[in-house]
N, C-alpha and C. Protein backbone atom coordinates (compact mmCIF):
# COMPACT_ATOMS: atom_id res chain seq x y z
N MET A 1 -10.17 27.01 13.45
CA MET A 1 -11.09 28.11 13.47
C MET A 1 -10.38 29.29 14.11
N SER A 2 -10.46 30.45 13.52
CA SER A 2 -9.79 31.63 14.07
C SER A 2 -10.58 32.18 15.25
N THR A 3 -9.91 33.00 16.05
CA THR A 3 -10.58 33.58 17.21
C THR A 3 -11.61 34.62 16.79
N SER A 4 -11.51 35.12 15.53
CA SER A 4 -12.49 36.12 15.08
C SER A 4 -13.75 35.47 14.51
N ALA A 5 -13.78 34.14 14.42
CA ALA A 5 -14.96 33.44 13.91
C ALA A 5 -16.11 33.57 14.90
N PRO A 6 -17.35 33.60 14.40
CA PRO A 6 -18.48 33.69 15.30
C PRO A 6 -18.53 32.47 16.22
N ALA A 7 -19.06 32.67 17.41
CA ALA A 7 -19.12 31.61 18.41
C ALA A 7 -20.09 30.50 17.99
N PHE A 8 -21.13 30.85 17.23
CA PHE A 8 -22.12 29.85 16.84
C PHE A 8 -22.16 29.72 15.33
N LEU A 9 -21.99 28.50 14.87
CA LEU A 9 -22.04 28.21 13.44
C LEU A 9 -23.26 27.36 13.16
N SER A 10 -23.79 27.52 11.96
CA SER A 10 -24.88 26.62 11.55
C SER A 10 -24.27 25.22 11.41
N PRO A 11 -25.08 24.17 11.45
CA PRO A 11 -24.53 22.82 11.27
C PRO A 11 -23.73 22.69 9.97
N PHE A 12 -24.22 23.28 8.88
CA PHE A 12 -23.50 23.22 7.62
C PHE A 12 -22.16 23.94 7.72
N GLU A 13 -22.14 25.13 8.32
CA GLU A 13 -20.89 25.88 8.46
C GLU A 13 -19.90 25.14 9.34
N ALA A 14 -20.40 24.48 10.39
CA ALA A 14 -19.52 23.72 11.28
C ALA A 14 -18.89 22.55 10.53
N LEU A 15 -19.69 21.84 9.73
CA LEU A 15 -19.15 20.74 8.95
C LEU A 15 -18.14 21.23 7.91
N ALA A 16 -18.44 22.34 7.25
CA ALA A 16 -17.52 22.88 6.26
C ALA A 16 -16.20 23.29 6.92
N GLU A 17 -16.27 23.89 8.09
CA GLU A 17 -15.06 24.29 8.82
C GLU A 17 -14.28 23.06 9.26
N TYR A 18 -14.99 22.04 9.73
CA TYR A 18 -14.33 20.80 10.14
C TYR A 18 -13.61 20.15 8.95
N GLU A 19 -14.28 20.13 7.79
CA GLU A 19 -13.66 19.56 6.59
C GLU A 19 -12.42 20.36 6.19
N ARG A 20 -12.51 21.67 6.21
CA ARG A 20 -11.37 22.51 5.85
C ARG A 20 -10.18 22.22 6.76
N ARG A 21 -10.43 22.12 8.06
CA ARG A 21 -9.34 21.86 9.02
C ARG A 21 -8.80 20.44 8.85
N SER A 22 -9.68 19.47 8.57
CA SER A 22 -9.23 18.10 8.38
C SER A 22 -8.33 17.98 7.16
N LEU A 23 -8.73 18.62 6.07
CA LEU A 23 -7.92 18.56 4.86
C LEU A 23 -6.58 19.26 5.05
N ALA A 24 -6.57 20.32 5.85
CA ALA A 24 -5.32 21.04 6.11
C ALA A 24 -4.35 20.20 6.92
N HIS A 25 -4.88 19.27 7.72
CA HIS A 25 -4.04 18.44 8.58
C HIS A 25 -4.26 16.96 8.28
N ALA A 26 -4.44 16.63 7.00
CA ALA A 26 -4.73 15.25 6.62
C ALA A 26 -3.60 14.32 7.04
N ALA A 27 -3.98 13.12 7.49
CA ALA A 27 -2.98 12.12 7.85
C ALA A 27 -2.10 11.85 6.65
N GLY A 28 -0.82 11.81 6.89
CA GLY A 28 0.12 11.53 5.83
C GLY A 28 0.61 12.77 5.11
N ALA A 29 0.00 13.94 5.35
CA ALA A 29 0.42 15.14 4.65
C ALA A 29 1.90 15.46 4.87
N PRO A 30 2.43 15.40 6.10
CA PRO A 30 3.86 15.70 6.25
C PRO A 30 4.75 14.70 5.50
N GLU A 31 4.34 13.44 5.44
CA GLU A 31 5.14 12.43 4.76
C GLU A 31 5.18 12.65 3.27
N GLN A 32 4.15 13.29 2.72
CA GLN A 32 4.09 13.50 1.29
C GLN A 32 4.84 14.75 0.86
N ALA A 33 5.27 15.54 1.81
CA ALA A 33 6.02 16.74 1.47
C ALA A 33 7.35 16.34 0.83
N GLU A 34 7.78 17.13 -0.14
CA GLU A 34 9.03 16.83 -0.81
C GLU A 34 10.19 17.07 0.15
N ALA A 35 11.09 16.12 0.20
CA ALA A 35 12.31 16.24 0.98
C ALA A 35 13.45 15.89 0.05
N PRO A 36 14.19 16.88 -0.42
CA PRO A 36 15.26 16.61 -1.37
C PRO A 36 16.23 15.56 -0.81
N GLY A 37 16.56 14.59 -1.66
CA GLY A 37 17.53 13.58 -1.26
C GLY A 37 16.97 12.48 -0.38
N LEU A 38 15.63 12.40 -0.25
CA LEU A 38 15.04 11.40 0.62
C LEU A 38 13.84 10.75 -0.07
N TRP A 39 13.85 9.43 -0.13
CA TRP A 39 12.73 8.65 -0.68
C TRP A 39 12.00 8.05 0.50
N ARG A 40 10.69 8.23 0.58
CA ARG A 40 9.91 7.71 1.70
C ARG A 40 8.88 6.72 1.20
N GLY A 41 8.71 5.66 1.97
CA GLY A 41 7.74 4.65 1.58
C GLY A 41 7.21 3.88 2.76
N ILE A 42 6.28 2.98 2.47
CA ILE A 42 5.70 2.08 3.47
C ILE A 42 6.42 0.75 3.33
N GLY A 43 7.03 0.29 4.42
CA GLY A 43 7.74 -0.98 4.41
C GLY A 43 6.80 -2.12 4.77
N PHE A 44 6.96 -3.25 4.08
CA PHE A 44 6.15 -4.42 4.37
C PHE A 44 6.96 -5.67 4.03
N ARG A 45 6.47 -6.79 4.53
CA ARG A 45 7.15 -8.06 4.33
C ARG A 45 6.24 -9.03 3.61
N VAL A 46 6.80 -9.71 2.60
CA VAL A 46 6.11 -10.78 1.89
C VAL A 46 7.04 -11.99 2.00
N GLY A 47 6.65 -12.96 2.82
CA GLY A 47 7.54 -14.09 3.08
C GLY A 47 8.80 -13.57 3.75
N GLN A 48 9.96 -13.88 3.17
CA GLN A 48 11.24 -13.42 3.72
C GLN A 48 11.73 -12.14 3.05
N ARG A 49 10.94 -11.58 2.15
CA ARG A 49 11.37 -10.39 1.40
C ARG A 49 10.85 -9.12 2.06
N TYR A 50 11.73 -8.14 2.15
CA TYR A 50 11.39 -6.84 2.68
C TYR A 50 11.21 -5.90 1.50
N LEU A 51 10.05 -5.28 1.43
CA LEU A 51 9.69 -4.43 0.31
C LEU A 51 9.22 -3.08 0.83
N ALA A 52 9.29 -2.08 -0.02
CA ALA A 52 8.77 -0.75 0.31
C ALA A 52 8.16 -0.15 -0.94
N SER A 53 7.00 0.48 -0.78
CA SER A 53 6.32 1.19 -1.86
C SER A 53 6.14 2.63 -1.43
N THR A 54 6.10 3.53 -2.40
CA THR A 54 5.97 4.94 -2.06
C THR A 54 4.68 5.17 -1.27
N ILE A 55 4.72 6.15 -0.42
CA ILE A 55 3.56 6.47 0.40
C ILE A 55 2.34 6.78 -0.46
N GLY A 56 2.56 7.41 -1.61
CA GLY A 56 1.46 7.75 -2.50
C GLY A 56 0.78 6.55 -3.13
N GLU A 57 1.46 5.40 -3.15
CA GLU A 57 0.87 4.20 -3.76
C GLU A 57 0.00 3.41 -2.80
N VAL A 58 0.22 3.57 -1.51
CA VAL A 58 -0.54 2.82 -0.50
C VAL A 58 -1.54 3.79 0.13
N ASN A 59 -2.83 3.54 -0.10
CA ASN A 59 -3.85 4.46 0.41
C ASN A 59 -4.26 4.16 1.84
N GLU A 60 -4.22 2.88 2.21
CA GLU A 60 -4.69 2.46 3.53
C GLU A 60 -4.02 1.17 3.93
N ILE A 61 -4.01 0.91 5.22
CA ILE A 61 -3.52 -0.36 5.76
C ILE A 61 -4.61 -0.89 6.67
N LEU A 62 -5.07 -2.14 6.42
CA LEU A 62 -6.16 -2.73 7.18
C LEU A 62 -5.75 -4.08 7.76
N THR A 63 -6.40 -4.45 8.85
CA THR A 63 -6.33 -5.85 9.26
C THR A 63 -7.19 -6.61 8.25
N LEU A 64 -7.00 -7.92 8.17
CA LEU A 64 -7.72 -8.69 7.17
C LEU A 64 -9.22 -8.60 7.40
N PRO A 65 -9.96 -8.02 6.45
CA PRO A 65 -11.42 -7.94 6.60
C PRO A 65 -12.07 -9.27 6.25
N ALA A 66 -13.36 -9.38 6.53
CA ALA A 66 -14.13 -10.55 6.09
C ALA A 66 -14.13 -10.57 4.57
N ILE A 67 -13.89 -11.75 4.01
CA ILE A 67 -13.76 -11.88 2.56
C ILE A 67 -14.80 -12.87 2.03
N ALA A 68 -15.49 -12.45 0.98
CA ALA A 68 -16.43 -13.35 0.28
C ALA A 68 -15.69 -13.95 -0.90
N ILE A 69 -15.66 -15.27 -0.95
CA ILE A 69 -14.95 -15.98 -2.01
C ILE A 69 -15.68 -15.79 -3.33
N VAL A 70 -14.90 -15.63 -4.40
CA VAL A 70 -15.46 -15.49 -5.74
C VAL A 70 -15.11 -16.78 -6.50
N PRO A 71 -16.11 -17.58 -6.85
CA PRO A 71 -15.84 -18.84 -7.55
C PRO A 71 -15.23 -18.59 -8.93
N GLY A 72 -14.44 -19.56 -9.41
CA GLY A 72 -13.90 -19.49 -10.76
C GLY A 72 -12.75 -18.54 -10.93
N THR A 73 -12.03 -18.23 -9.83
CA THR A 73 -10.90 -17.30 -9.92
C THR A 73 -9.61 -18.02 -9.54
N ARG A 74 -8.50 -17.41 -9.83
CA ARG A 74 -7.19 -17.95 -9.49
C ARG A 74 -7.02 -17.97 -7.97
N SER A 75 -6.12 -18.83 -7.52
CA SER A 75 -5.93 -18.99 -6.06
C SER A 75 -5.50 -17.71 -5.38
N TRP A 76 -4.79 -16.83 -6.08
CA TRP A 76 -4.28 -15.61 -5.45
C TRP A 76 -5.35 -14.55 -5.24
N LEU A 77 -6.50 -14.67 -5.91
CA LEU A 77 -7.63 -13.77 -5.63
C LEU A 77 -8.41 -14.39 -4.48
N LEU A 78 -8.20 -13.85 -3.29
CA LEU A 78 -8.84 -14.42 -2.11
C LEU A 78 -10.34 -14.20 -2.11
N GLY A 79 -10.80 -13.14 -2.75
CA GLY A 79 -12.22 -12.81 -2.81
C GLY A 79 -12.39 -11.31 -2.77
N VAL A 80 -13.58 -10.88 -2.35
CA VAL A 80 -13.86 -9.45 -2.24
C VAL A 80 -14.25 -9.13 -0.80
N ALA A 81 -13.87 -7.93 -0.39
CA ALA A 81 -14.19 -7.47 0.95
C ALA A 81 -14.98 -6.17 0.84
N ASN A 82 -15.86 -5.96 1.79
CA ASN A 82 -16.61 -4.71 1.87
C ASN A 82 -15.78 -3.75 2.72
N VAL A 83 -15.21 -2.75 2.07
CA VAL A 83 -14.41 -1.74 2.77
C VAL A 83 -15.18 -0.43 2.72
N ARG A 84 -15.84 -0.10 3.81
CA ARG A 84 -16.66 1.10 3.94
C ARG A 84 -17.64 1.27 2.79
N GLY A 85 -18.34 0.17 2.47
CA GLY A 85 -19.39 0.22 1.47
C GLY A 85 -18.94 -0.04 0.04
N SER A 86 -17.65 -0.23 -0.18
CA SER A 86 -17.16 -0.53 -1.53
C SER A 86 -16.60 -1.94 -1.56
N LEU A 87 -16.90 -2.68 -2.62
CA LEU A 87 -16.33 -4.01 -2.78
C LEU A 87 -14.92 -3.87 -3.32
N VAL A 88 -13.97 -4.48 -2.60
CA VAL A 88 -12.56 -4.39 -2.95
C VAL A 88 -12.02 -5.81 -3.12
N PRO A 89 -11.48 -6.14 -4.31
CA PRO A 89 -10.85 -7.45 -4.45
C PRO A 89 -9.61 -7.53 -3.56
N VAL A 90 -9.39 -8.69 -2.94
CA VAL A 90 -8.23 -8.88 -2.06
C VAL A 90 -7.35 -9.95 -2.69
N ILE A 91 -6.10 -9.58 -2.95
CA ILE A 91 -5.12 -10.43 -3.62
C ILE A 91 -4.07 -10.86 -2.61
N ASP A 92 -3.72 -12.14 -2.62
CA ASP A 92 -2.60 -12.64 -1.82
C ASP A 92 -1.34 -12.34 -2.63
N LEU A 93 -0.59 -11.31 -2.23
CA LEU A 93 0.56 -10.86 -3.01
C LEU A 93 1.62 -11.96 -3.15
N LYS A 94 1.86 -12.69 -2.08
CA LYS A 94 2.87 -13.76 -2.15
C LYS A 94 2.43 -14.86 -3.12
N ASP A 95 1.17 -15.23 -3.07
CA ASP A 95 0.66 -16.26 -3.97
C ASP A 95 0.71 -15.77 -5.42
N PHE A 96 0.39 -14.50 -5.65
CA PHE A 96 0.42 -13.95 -7.00
C PHE A 96 1.84 -13.97 -7.57
N VAL A 97 2.81 -13.48 -6.78
CA VAL A 97 4.18 -13.36 -7.29
C VAL A 97 4.95 -14.68 -7.22
N GLU A 98 4.85 -15.38 -6.09
CA GLU A 98 5.67 -16.56 -5.86
C GLU A 98 4.95 -17.89 -6.11
N GLY A 99 3.62 -17.86 -6.12
CA GLY A 99 2.86 -19.09 -6.29
C GLY A 99 2.68 -19.87 -5.00
N THR A 100 2.97 -19.24 -3.85
CA THR A 100 2.83 -19.88 -2.54
C THR A 100 1.92 -19.00 -1.67
N PRO A 101 0.85 -19.55 -1.10
CA PRO A 101 -0.06 -18.73 -0.29
C PRO A 101 0.60 -18.18 0.98
N THR A 102 0.14 -17.03 1.40
CA THR A 102 0.58 -16.41 2.65
C THR A 102 -0.01 -17.18 3.82
N GLN A 103 0.81 -17.42 4.83
CA GLN A 103 0.32 -18.02 6.07
C GLN A 103 -0.21 -16.88 6.93
N LEU A 104 -1.49 -16.87 7.22
CA LEU A 104 -2.10 -15.78 7.99
C LEU A 104 -1.63 -15.83 9.44
N THR A 105 -1.29 -14.65 9.96
CA THR A 105 -0.91 -14.48 11.36
C THR A 105 -1.58 -13.22 11.88
N GLU A 106 -1.38 -12.93 13.14
CA GLU A 106 -1.94 -11.68 13.69
C GLU A 106 -1.27 -10.46 13.09
N ASN A 107 -0.11 -10.62 12.46
CA ASN A 107 0.59 -9.49 11.83
C ASN A 107 0.18 -9.26 10.38
N SER A 108 -0.56 -10.19 9.79
CA SER A 108 -0.98 -10.05 8.39
C SER A 108 -1.81 -8.78 8.22
N ARG A 109 -1.57 -8.09 7.10
CA ARG A 109 -2.29 -6.85 6.81
C ARG A 109 -2.67 -6.81 5.35
N VAL A 110 -3.61 -5.92 5.03
CA VAL A 110 -4.03 -5.67 3.67
C VAL A 110 -3.68 -4.23 3.33
N LEU A 111 -2.90 -4.06 2.27
CA LEU A 111 -2.57 -2.72 1.77
C LEU A 111 -3.61 -2.37 0.71
N ILE A 112 -4.27 -1.25 0.87
CA ILE A 112 -5.25 -0.81 -0.12
C ILE A 112 -4.52 0.10 -1.11
N VAL A 113 -4.62 -0.27 -2.38
CA VAL A 113 -3.93 0.42 -3.45
C VAL A 113 -4.97 0.88 -4.46
N ARG A 114 -4.82 2.10 -4.92
CA ARG A 114 -5.74 2.61 -5.94
C ARG A 114 -5.21 2.18 -7.31
N GLN A 115 -6.12 1.72 -8.15
CA GLN A 115 -5.78 1.37 -9.52
C GLN A 115 -6.79 2.02 -10.44
N GLN A 116 -6.59 1.89 -11.74
CA GLN A 116 -7.45 2.56 -12.70
C GLN A 116 -8.93 2.21 -12.52
N ALA A 117 -9.23 0.96 -12.25
CA ALA A 117 -10.62 0.53 -12.14
C ALA A 117 -11.17 0.62 -10.72
N GLY A 118 -10.46 1.17 -9.80
CA GLY A 118 -10.90 1.28 -8.41
C GLY A 118 -9.78 0.94 -7.46
N ARG A 119 -10.14 0.29 -6.37
CA ARG A 119 -9.13 -0.07 -5.37
C ARG A 119 -8.97 -1.58 -5.33
N VAL A 120 -7.79 -2.00 -4.87
CA VAL A 120 -7.50 -3.41 -4.70
C VAL A 120 -6.75 -3.56 -3.38
N GLY A 121 -7.01 -4.66 -2.68
CA GLY A 121 -6.31 -4.95 -1.43
C GLY A 121 -5.25 -6.01 -1.67
N LEU A 122 -4.07 -5.81 -1.09
CA LEU A 122 -2.97 -6.76 -1.22
C LEU A 122 -2.63 -7.32 0.15
N LEU A 123 -2.81 -8.62 0.31
CA LEU A 123 -2.46 -9.28 1.57
C LEU A 123 -0.95 -9.42 1.64
N VAL A 124 -0.37 -8.93 2.75
CA VAL A 124 1.07 -9.08 3.01
C VAL A 124 1.25 -9.69 4.39
N ASP A 125 2.44 -10.24 4.63
CA ASP A 125 2.71 -10.88 5.91
C ASP A 125 2.74 -9.89 7.07
N GLU A 126 3.26 -8.69 6.80
CA GLU A 126 3.43 -7.73 7.89
C GLU A 126 3.71 -6.36 7.30
N VAL A 127 3.20 -5.32 7.94
CA VAL A 127 3.53 -3.94 7.58
C VAL A 127 4.52 -3.44 8.62
N LEU A 128 5.61 -2.85 8.14
CA LEU A 128 6.71 -2.46 9.02
C LEU A 128 6.84 -0.95 9.18
N GLY A 129 5.85 -0.22 8.72
CA GLY A 129 5.83 1.23 8.93
C GLY A 129 6.59 2.00 7.86
N GLN A 130 6.73 3.28 8.12
CA GLN A 130 7.40 4.15 7.16
C GLN A 130 8.90 3.89 7.15
N ARG A 131 9.47 3.91 5.96
CA ARG A 131 10.91 3.76 5.79
C ARG A 131 11.39 4.92 4.91
N SER A 132 12.54 5.46 5.28
CA SER A 132 13.13 6.55 4.51
C SER A 132 14.50 6.11 4.01
N PHE A 133 14.77 6.40 2.75
CA PHE A 133 16.02 6.02 2.12
C PHE A 133 16.68 7.26 1.53
N ALA A 134 17.84 7.62 2.07
CA ALA A 134 18.59 8.77 1.56
C ALA A 134 19.20 8.41 0.21
N ASP A 135 19.48 9.44 -0.60
CA ASP A 135 20.08 9.21 -1.91
C ASP A 135 21.38 8.42 -1.81
N GLU A 136 22.15 8.66 -0.73
CA GLU A 136 23.41 7.93 -0.55
C GLU A 136 23.17 6.43 -0.46
N LEU A 137 22.08 6.03 0.21
CA LEU A 137 21.74 4.61 0.29
C LEU A 137 21.30 4.08 -1.07
N ARG A 138 20.53 4.87 -1.77
CA ARG A 138 20.02 4.43 -3.07
C ARG A 138 21.14 4.29 -4.09
N GLU A 139 22.24 5.01 -3.89
CA GLU A 139 23.40 4.85 -4.78
C GLU A 139 24.04 3.48 -4.59
N GLN A 140 23.77 2.83 -3.45
CA GLN A 140 24.32 1.50 -3.17
C GLN A 140 23.35 0.39 -3.60
N ALA A 141 22.29 0.75 -4.28
CA ALA A 141 21.26 -0.21 -4.68
C ALA A 141 21.84 -1.28 -5.59
N VAL A 142 21.24 -2.45 -5.49
CA VAL A 142 21.60 -3.57 -6.37
C VAL A 142 20.35 -3.97 -7.14
N ALA A 143 20.57 -4.66 -8.24
CA ALA A 143 19.44 -5.10 -9.07
C ALA A 143 18.69 -6.23 -8.38
N GLU A 144 17.44 -6.37 -8.71
CA GLU A 144 16.63 -7.48 -8.21
C GLU A 144 17.18 -8.78 -8.79
N ASP A 145 17.38 -9.79 -7.95
CA ASP A 145 17.96 -11.05 -8.41
C ASP A 145 16.95 -12.18 -8.52
N ASP A 146 15.69 -11.92 -8.23
CA ASP A 146 14.65 -12.94 -8.32
C ASP A 146 13.75 -12.57 -9.50
N ALA A 147 13.74 -13.44 -10.52
CA ALA A 147 12.98 -13.16 -11.74
C ALA A 147 11.50 -12.94 -11.46
N ARG A 148 10.97 -13.55 -10.40
CA ARG A 148 9.55 -13.39 -10.09
C ARG A 148 9.23 -11.97 -9.65
N TYR A 149 10.21 -11.27 -9.09
CA TYR A 149 9.99 -9.92 -8.57
C TYR A 149 10.53 -8.81 -9.46
N GLU A 150 11.41 -9.12 -10.41
CA GLU A 150 12.11 -8.05 -11.13
C GLU A 150 11.19 -7.12 -11.92
N ARG A 151 10.00 -7.58 -12.29
CA ARG A 151 9.05 -6.72 -12.99
C ARG A 151 8.50 -5.62 -12.07
N TYR A 152 8.46 -5.89 -10.77
CA TYR A 152 7.85 -4.96 -9.81
C TYR A 152 8.86 -4.24 -8.93
N VAL A 153 10.07 -4.78 -8.84
CA VAL A 153 11.10 -4.21 -7.97
C VAL A 153 12.19 -3.60 -8.85
N ARG A 154 12.30 -2.28 -8.80
CA ARG A 154 13.28 -1.57 -9.62
C ARG A 154 14.69 -1.78 -9.10
N GLU A 155 14.82 -1.77 -7.78
CA GLU A 155 16.14 -1.87 -7.15
C GLU A 155 15.97 -2.34 -5.72
N ARG A 156 17.05 -2.84 -5.16
CA ARG A 156 17.07 -3.25 -3.75
C ARG A 156 18.09 -2.37 -3.04
N VAL A 157 17.64 -1.72 -1.98
CA VAL A 157 18.44 -0.72 -1.28
C VAL A 157 18.77 -1.22 0.12
N PRO A 158 20.05 -1.14 0.52
CA PRO A 158 20.41 -1.58 1.88
C PRO A 158 20.01 -0.52 2.91
N LEU A 159 19.40 -0.99 3.99
CA LEU A 159 19.09 -0.13 5.14
C LEU A 159 19.32 -0.99 6.36
N GLY A 160 20.37 -0.70 7.11
CA GLY A 160 20.75 -1.56 8.22
C GLY A 160 21.21 -2.89 7.66
N GLU A 161 20.69 -3.97 8.19
CA GLU A 161 21.06 -5.32 7.75
C GLU A 161 20.13 -5.87 6.67
N VAL A 162 19.20 -5.06 6.20
CA VAL A 162 18.15 -5.53 5.30
C VAL A 162 18.28 -4.89 3.92
N LEU A 163 18.07 -5.71 2.89
CA LEU A 163 17.95 -5.19 1.53
C LEU A 163 16.46 -5.01 1.26
N TRP A 164 16.06 -3.78 1.02
CA TRP A 164 14.65 -3.44 0.78
C TRP A 164 14.41 -3.32 -0.72
N GLY A 165 13.47 -4.10 -1.22
CA GLY A 165 13.07 -3.98 -2.62
C GLY A 165 12.12 -2.82 -2.78
N MET A 166 12.42 -1.94 -3.73
CA MET A 166 11.55 -0.80 -4.01
C MET A 166 10.44 -1.30 -4.93
N PHE A 167 9.28 -1.62 -4.33
CA PHE A 167 8.19 -2.31 -5.01
C PHE A 167 7.24 -1.30 -5.66
N SER A 168 7.00 -1.45 -6.96
CA SER A 168 6.12 -0.55 -7.69
C SER A 168 4.70 -1.12 -7.74
N MET A 169 3.80 -0.53 -6.99
CA MET A 169 2.40 -0.94 -7.04
C MET A 169 1.81 -0.65 -8.42
N ALA A 170 2.25 0.45 -9.04
CA ALA A 170 1.75 0.81 -10.37
C ALA A 170 2.10 -0.28 -11.38
N ALA A 171 3.33 -0.80 -11.34
CA ALA A 171 3.72 -1.88 -12.26
C ALA A 171 2.89 -3.13 -11.98
N LEU A 172 2.62 -3.39 -10.71
CA LEU A 172 1.83 -4.57 -10.34
C LEU A 172 0.42 -4.49 -10.93
N VAL A 173 -0.28 -3.40 -10.68
CA VAL A 173 -1.68 -3.32 -11.11
C VAL A 173 -1.82 -3.18 -12.63
N ARG A 174 -0.75 -2.80 -13.33
CA ARG A 174 -0.79 -2.73 -14.80
C ARG A 174 -0.44 -4.06 -15.46
N ALA A 175 0.12 -5.00 -14.69
CA ALA A 175 0.53 -6.29 -15.27
C ALA A 175 -0.69 -7.01 -15.82
N PRO A 176 -0.63 -7.47 -17.06
CA PRO A 176 -1.79 -8.14 -17.67
C PRO A 176 -2.27 -9.34 -16.84
N GLU A 177 -1.36 -10.14 -16.30
CA GLU A 177 -1.78 -11.30 -15.52
C GLU A 177 -2.47 -10.91 -14.21
N PHE A 178 -2.14 -9.73 -13.68
CA PHE A 178 -2.79 -9.24 -12.47
C PHE A 178 -4.25 -8.89 -12.77
N GLN A 179 -4.50 -8.42 -13.96
CA GLN A 179 -5.84 -8.01 -14.36
C GLN A 179 -6.70 -9.17 -14.82
N GLN A 180 -6.13 -10.36 -14.92
CA GLN A 180 -6.86 -11.54 -15.37
C GLN A 180 -6.95 -12.55 -14.23
N ALA A 181 -7.91 -12.38 -13.37
CA ALA A 181 -8.05 -13.24 -12.18
C ALA A 181 -8.92 -14.48 -12.44
N ALA A 182 -9.54 -14.55 -13.59
CA ALA A 182 -10.39 -15.72 -13.88
C ALA A 182 -9.52 -16.96 -14.05
N ALA A 183 -9.97 -18.07 -13.49
CA ALA A 183 -9.19 -19.33 -13.57
C ALA A 183 -9.35 -19.97 -14.93
């Protein structure tokens, strides 16, 4: 609010001003700014694999919410969760890709991803925060060597001692088998 603004605002004007300021300083806005030569993403772990997806693909990170089981579905569809009034299917990403369920720990998280039909939650072993990969690192990328992941991982990029798979959430949610959760 500028110093020339009136001291008293109507409740509607105060809310509109609050919304304007919130949108101007939205969480994640600096991370979404273009930085030439730098790829930024959210790092996470699925089993022993280190993966990263672009910041734009991951809308939220949650602790595991209460889940209602949906009968007649594949094992990797854990059920649906109520996330701020919306029902969101929760998928065990490791079980979907590898066929082995995730062992829940205090580090387990759910990544909320937007898809064409709404949002979906992906259970992962751990979220490791933002990761940045310079073009020089990406030039050292190697191909995905695990057939189970190659549809979703374009390349694996070295950062420190870890090879990070660049995981495409868009490829995941478009996969026909991902859209067919019925057993």
